[in-house]
Amino acid sequence: MAIAFRSLFHDVLRASGGGEEEVAQFFACGMLINVTTALELPEIAAPILDVATG
């Protein structure tokens, strides 16, 4: 699992042209959105979603 996740991270780095910190923040935001959605706590991720949808 770790090898696949590392590979995914590097694929996103290459495809996006972003830096490691930027891609790490992208993954972190995605995880926050997934977890808060699963726990039915959308208000926690609302600030991120508001920025993403503009």
PDB file of N, CA and C in Angstrom:
ATOM      1  N   MET A   1       0.831  -1.189   0.000  1.00  0.00           N
ATOM      2  CA  MET A   1       0.000   0.000   0.000  1.00  0.00           C
ATOM      3  C   MET A   1       0.874   1.252   0.000  1.00  0.00           C
ATOM      4  N   ALA A   2       1.918   1.246   0.803  1.00  0.00           N
ATOM      5  CA  ALA A   2       2.788   2.417   0.896  1.00  0.00           C
ATOM      6  C   ALA A   2       3.462   2.715  -0.438  1.00  0.00           C
ATOM      7  N   ILE A   3       3.877   1.663  -1.139  1.00  0.00           N
ATOM      8  CA  ILE A   3       4.540   1.864  -2.427  1.00  0.00           C
ATOM      9  C   ILE A   3       3.567   2.481  -3.430  1.00  0.00           C
ATOM     10  N   ALA A   4       2.328   2.008  -3.427  1.00  0.00           N
ATOM     11  CA  ALA A   4       1.318   2.540  -4.347  1.00  0.00           C
ATOM     12  C   ALA A   4       1.010   4.001  -4.030  1.00  0.00           C
ATOM     13  N   PHE A   5       0.920   4.337  -2.741  1.00  0.00           N
ATOM     14  CA  PHE A   5       0.621   5.715  -2.371  1.00  0.00           C
ATOM     15  C   PHE A   5       1.773   6.636  -2.751  1.00  0.00           C
ATOM     16  N   ARG A   6       2.995   6.189  -2.508  1.00  0.00           N
ATOM     17  CA  ARG A   6       4.168   6.988  -2.890  1.00  0.00           C
ATOM     18  C   ARG A   6       4.183   7.207  -4.403  1.00  0.00           C
ATOM     19  N   SER A   7       3.859   6.162  -5.150  1.00  0.00           N
ATOM     20  CA  SER A   7       3.806   6.268  -6.602  1.00  0.00           C
ATOM     21  C   SER A   7       2.738   7.276  -7.036  1.00  0.00           C
ATOM     22  N   LEU A   8       1.578   7.216  -6.418  1.00  0.00           N
ATOM     23  CA  LEU A   8       0.502   8.166  -6.717  1.00  0.00           C
ATOM     24  C   LEU A   8       0.958   9.597  -6.431  1.00  0.00           C
ATOM     25  N   PHE A   9       1.599   9.801  -5.287  1.00  0.00           N
ATOM     26  CA  PHE A   9       2.104  11.130  -4.920  1.00  0.00           C
ATOM     27  C   PHE A   9       3.052  11.652  -5.998  1.00  0.00           C
ATOM     28  N   HIS A  10       3.978  10.811  -6.439  1.00  0.00           N
ATOM     29  CA  HIS A  10       4.943  11.240  -7.454  1.00  0.00           C
ATOM     30  C   HIS A  10       4.282  11.443  -8.820  1.00  0.00           C
ATOM     31  N   ASP A  11       3.265  10.651  -9.121  1.00  0.00           N
ATOM     32  CA  ASP A  11       2.516  10.863 -10.365  1.00  0.00           C
ATOM     33  C   ASP A  11       1.839  12.234 -10.357  1.00  0.00           C
ATOM     34  N   VAL A  12       1.245  12.597  -9.219  1.00  0.00           N
ATOM     35  CA  VAL A  12       0.589  13.908  -9.107  1.00  0.00           C
ATOM     36  C   VAL A  12       1.629  15.025  -9.194  1.00  0.00           C
ATOM     37  N   LEU A  13       2.780  14.822  -8.580  1.00  0.00           N
ATOM     38  CA  LEU A  13       3.867  15.817  -8.694  1.00  0.00           C
ATOM     39  C   LEU A  13       4.196  16.072 -10.158  1.00  0.00           C
ATOM     40  N   ARG A  14       4.413  15.004 -10.894  1.00  0.00           N
ATOM     41  CA  ARG A  14       4.800  15.139 -12.306  1.00  0.00           C
ATOM     42  C   ARG A  14       3.672  15.764 -13.132  1.00  0.00           C
ATOM     43  N   ALA A  15       2.464  15.269 -12.943  1.00  0.00           N
ATOM     44  CA  ALA A  15       1.339  15.726 -13.767  1.00  0.00           C
ATOM     45  C   ALA A  15       0.961  17.177 -13.481  1.00  0.00           C
ATOM     46  N   SER A  16       1.069  17.573 -12.214  1.00  0.00           N
ATOM     47  CA  SER A  16       0.631  18.920 -11.831  1.00  0.00           C
ATOM     48  C   SER A  16       1.705  19.976 -12.031  1.00  0.00           C
ATOM     49  N   GLY A  17       2.961  19.560 -11.960  1.00  0.00           N
ATOM     50  CA  GLY A  17       4.047  20.521 -12.008  1.00  0.00           C
ATOM     51  C   GLY A  17       4.211  21.271 -10.697  1.00  0.00           C
ATOM     52  N   GLY A  18       3.447  20.860  -9.686  1.00  0.00           N
ATOM     53  CA  GLY A  18       3.529  21.497  -8.373  1.00  0.00           C
ATOM     54  C   GLY A  18       4.714  20.985  -7.581  1.00  0.00           C
ATOM     55  N   GLY A  19       4.960  21.658  -6.472  1.00  0.00           N
ATOM     56  CA  GLY A  19       6.027  21.237  -5.587  1.00  0.00           C
ATOM     57  C   GLY A  19       5.516  20.233  -4.564  1.00  0.00           C
ATOM     58  N   GLU A  20       6.441  19.645  -3.821  1.00  0.00           N
ATOM     59  CA  GLU A  20       6.067  18.639  -2.824  1.00  0.00           C
ATOM     60  C   GLU A  20       5.109  19.194  -1.775  1.00  0.00           C
ATOM     61  N   GLU A  21       5.354  20.409  -1.301  1.00  0.00           N
ATOM     62  CA  GLU A  21       4.474  20.986  -0.282  1.00  0.00           C
ATOM     63  C   GLU A  21       3.067  21.218  -0.840  1.00  0.00           C
ATOM     64  N   GLU A  22       3.000  21.725  -2.047  1.00  0.00           N
ATOM     65  CA  GLU A  22       1.705  21.983  -2.673  1.00  0.00           C
ATOM     66  C   GLU A  22       0.909  20.689  -2.881  1.00  0.00           C
ATOM     67  N   VAL A  23       1.585  19.650  -3.345  1.00  0.00           N
ATOM     68  CA  VAL A  23       0.919  18.363  -3.570  1.00  0.00           C
ATOM     69  C   VAL A  23       0.526  17.727  -2.231  1.00  0.00           C
ATOM     70  N   ALA A  24       1.365  17.857  -1.231  1.00  0.00           N
ATOM     71  CA  ALA A  24       1.022  17.330   0.093  1.00  0.00           C
ATOM     72  C   ALA A  24      -0.217  18.027   0.641  1.00  0.00           C
ATOM     73  N   GLN A  25      -0.327  19.338   0.447  1.00  0.00           N
ATOM     74  CA  GLN A  25      -1.512  20.070   0.889  1.00  0.00           C
ATOM     75  C   GLN A  25      -2.745  19.623   0.116  1.00  0.00           C
ATOM     76  N   PHE A  26      -2.595  19.340  -1.160  1.00  0.00           N
ATOM     77  CA  PHE A  26      -3.693  18.832  -1.981  1.00  0.00           C
ATOM     78  C   PHE A  26      -4.207  17.512  -1.417  1.00  0.00           C
ATOM     79  N   PHE A  27      -3.282  16.585  -1.110  1.00  0.00           N
ATOM     80  CA  PHE A  27      -3.674  15.304  -0.529  1.00  0.00           C
ATOM     81  C   PHE A  27      -4.309  15.487   0.844  1.00  0.00           C
ATOM     82  N   ALA A  28      -3.750  16.372   1.649  1.00  0.00           N
ATOM     83  CA  ALA A  28      -4.288  16.610   2.999  1.00  0.00           C
ATOM     84  C   ALA A  28      -5.707  17.166   2.930  1.00  0.00           C
ATOM     85  N   CYS A  29      -5.943  18.090   2.036  1.00  0.00           N
ATOM     86  CA  CYS A  29      -7.300  18.647   1.887  1.00  0.00           C
ATOM     87  C   CYS A  29      -8.271  17.574   1.439  1.00  0.00           C
ATOM     88  N   GLY A  30      -7.852  16.740   0.506  1.00  0.00           N
ATOM     89  CA  GLY A  30      -8.708  15.651   0.042  1.00  0.00           C
ATOM     90  C   GLY A  30      -9.060  14.690   1.156  1.00  0.00           C
ATOM     91  N   MET A  31      -8.081  14.361   1.993  1.00  0.00           N
ATOM     92  CA  MET A  31      -8.342  13.458   3.117  1.00  0.00           C
ATOM     93  C   MET A  31      -9.303  14.099   4.118  1.00  0.00           C
ATOM     94  N   LEU A  32      -9.130  15.384   4.395  1.00  0.00           N
ATOM     95  CA  LEU A  32     -10.031  16.074   5.308  1.00  0.00           C
ATOM     96  C   LEU A  32     -11.457  16.049   4.771  1.00  0.00           C
ATOM     97  N   ILE A  33     -11.605  16.314   3.488  1.00  0.00           N
ATOM     98  CA  ILE A  33     -12.935  16.298   2.878  1.00  0.00           C
ATOM     99  C   ILE A  33     -13.540  14.896   2.950  1.00  0.00           C
ATOM    100  N   ASN A  34     -12.759  13.857   2.650  1.00  0.00           N
ATOM    101  CA  ASN A  34     -13.258  12.477   2.712  1.00  0.00           C
ATOM    102  C   ASN A  34     -13.695  12.086   4.116  1.00  0.00           C
ATOM    103  N   VAL A  35     -12.860  12.366   5.101  1.00  0.00           N
ATOM    104  CA  VAL A  35     -13.165  11.976   6.474  1.00  0.00           C
ATOM    105  C   VAL A  35     -14.372  12.737   7.011  1.00  0.00           C
ATOM    106  N   THR A  36     -14.408  14.042   6.792  1.00  0.00           N
ATOM    107  CA  THR A  36     -15.535  14.809   7.333  1.00  0.00           C
ATOM    108  C   THR A  36     -16.845  14.458   6.619  1.00  0.00           C
ATOM    109  N   THR A  37     -16.759  14.085   5.358  1.00  0.00           N
ATOM    110  CA  THR A  37     -17.963  13.636   4.653  1.00  0.00           C
ATOM    111  C   THR A  37     -18.439  12.306   5.222  1.00  0.00           C
ATOM    112  N   ALA A  38     -17.517  11.370   5.433  1.00  0.00           N
ATOM    113  CA  ALA A  38     -17.876  10.063   5.987  1.00  0.00           C
ATOM    114  C   ALA A  38     -18.466  10.187   7.395  1.00  0.00           C
ATOM    115  N   LEU A  39     -17.973  11.140   8.172  1.00  0.00           N
ATOM    116  CA  LEU A  39     -18.454  11.330   9.549  1.00  0.00           C
ATOM    117  C   LEU A  39     -19.639  12.284   9.629  1.00  0.00           C
ATOM    118  N   GLU A  40     -20.089  12.744   8.464  1.00  0.00           N
ATOM    119  CA  GLU A  40     -21.209  13.685   8.382  1.00  0.00           C
ATOM    120  C   GLU A  40     -20.945  14.956   9.190  1.00  0.00           C
ATOM    121  N   LEU A  41     -19.750  15.500   8.983  1.00  0.00           N
ATOM    122  CA  LEU A  41     -19.324  16.742   9.625  1.00  0.00           C
ATOM    123  C   LEU A  41     -18.869  17.747   8.558  1.00  0.00           C
ATOM    124  N   PRO A  42     -19.735  18.055   7.610  1.00  0.00           N
ATOM    125  CA  PRO A  42     -19.309  18.902   6.491  1.00  0.00           C
ATOM    126  C   PRO A  42     -18.868  20.300   6.905  1.00  0.00           C
ATOM    127  N   GLU A  43     -19.323  20.772   8.041  1.00  0.00           N
ATOM    128  CA  GLU A  43     -18.949  22.125   8.469  1.00  0.00           C
ATOM    129  C   GLU A  43     -17.447  22.259   8.724  1.00  0.00           C
ATOM    130  N   ILE A  44     -16.787  21.149   9.035  1.00  0.00           N
ATOM    131  CA  ILE A  44     -15.357  21.198   9.299  1.00  0.00           C
ATOM    132  C   ILE A  44     -14.580  21.479   8.007  1.00  0.00           C
ATOM    133  N   ALA A  45     -15.019  20.891   6.904  1.00  0.00           N
ATOM    134  CA  ALA A  45     -14.334  21.093   5.627  1.00  0.00           C
ATOM    135  C   ALA A  45     -14.931  22.250   4.828  1.00  0.00           C
ATOM    136  N   ALA A  46     -15.972  22.880   5.335  1.00  0.00           N
ATOM    137  CA  ALA A  46     -16.651  23.951   4.597  1.00  0.00           C
ATOM    138  C   ALA A  46     -15.698  25.047   4.124  1.00  0.00           C
ATOM    139  N   PRO A  47     -14.757  25.517   4.943  1.00  0.00           N
ATOM    140  CA  PRO A  47     -13.856  26.575   4.451  1.00  0.00           C
ATOM    141  C   PRO A  47     -13.048  26.146   3.234  1.00  0.00           C
ATOM    142  N   ILE A  48     -12.617  24.904   3.196  1.00  0.00           N
ATOM    143  CA  ILE A  48     -11.852  24.391   2.053  1.00  0.00           C
ATOM    144  C   ILE A  48     -12.760  24.313   0.834  1.00  0.00           C
ATOM    145  N   LEU A  49     -13.959  23.826   1.021  1.00  0.00           N
ATOM    146  CA  LEU A  49     -14.886  23.673  -0.092  1.00  0.00           C
ATOM    147  C   LEU A  49     -15.319  25.024  -0.636  1.00  0.00           C
ATOM    148  N   ASP A  50     -15.488  26.006   0.223  1.00  0.00           N
ATOM    149  CA  ASP A  50     -15.858  27.347  -0.222  1.00  0.00           C
ATOM    150  C   ASP A  50     -14.778  27.943  -1.114  1.00  0.00           C
ATOM    151  N   VAL A  51     -13.525  27.738  -0.760  1.00  0.00           N
ATOM    152  CA  VAL A  51     -12.406  28.246  -1.559  1.00  0.00           C
ATOM    153  C   VAL A  51     -12.366  27.510  -2.894  1.00  0.00           C
ATOM    154  N   ALA A  52     -12.578  26.192  -2.862  1.00  0.00           N
ATOM    155  CA  ALA A  52     -12.486  25.372  -4.072  1.00  0.00           C
ATOM    156  C   ALA A  52     -13.597  25.712  -5.069  1.00  0.00           C
ATOM    157  N   THR A  53     -14.774  26.062  -4.571  1.00  0.00           N
ATOM    158  CA  THR A  53     -15.893  26.321  -5.466  1.00  0.00           C
ATOM    159  C   THR A  53     -16.033  27.800  -5.788  1.00  0.00           C
ATOM    160  N   GLY A  54     -15.309  28.647  -5.051  1.00  0.00           N
ATOM    161  CA  GLY A  54     -15.247  30.064  -5.318  1.00  0.00           C
ATOM    162  C   GLY A  54     -16.516  30.770  -5.108  1.00  0.00           C
TER     163      GLY A  54
END
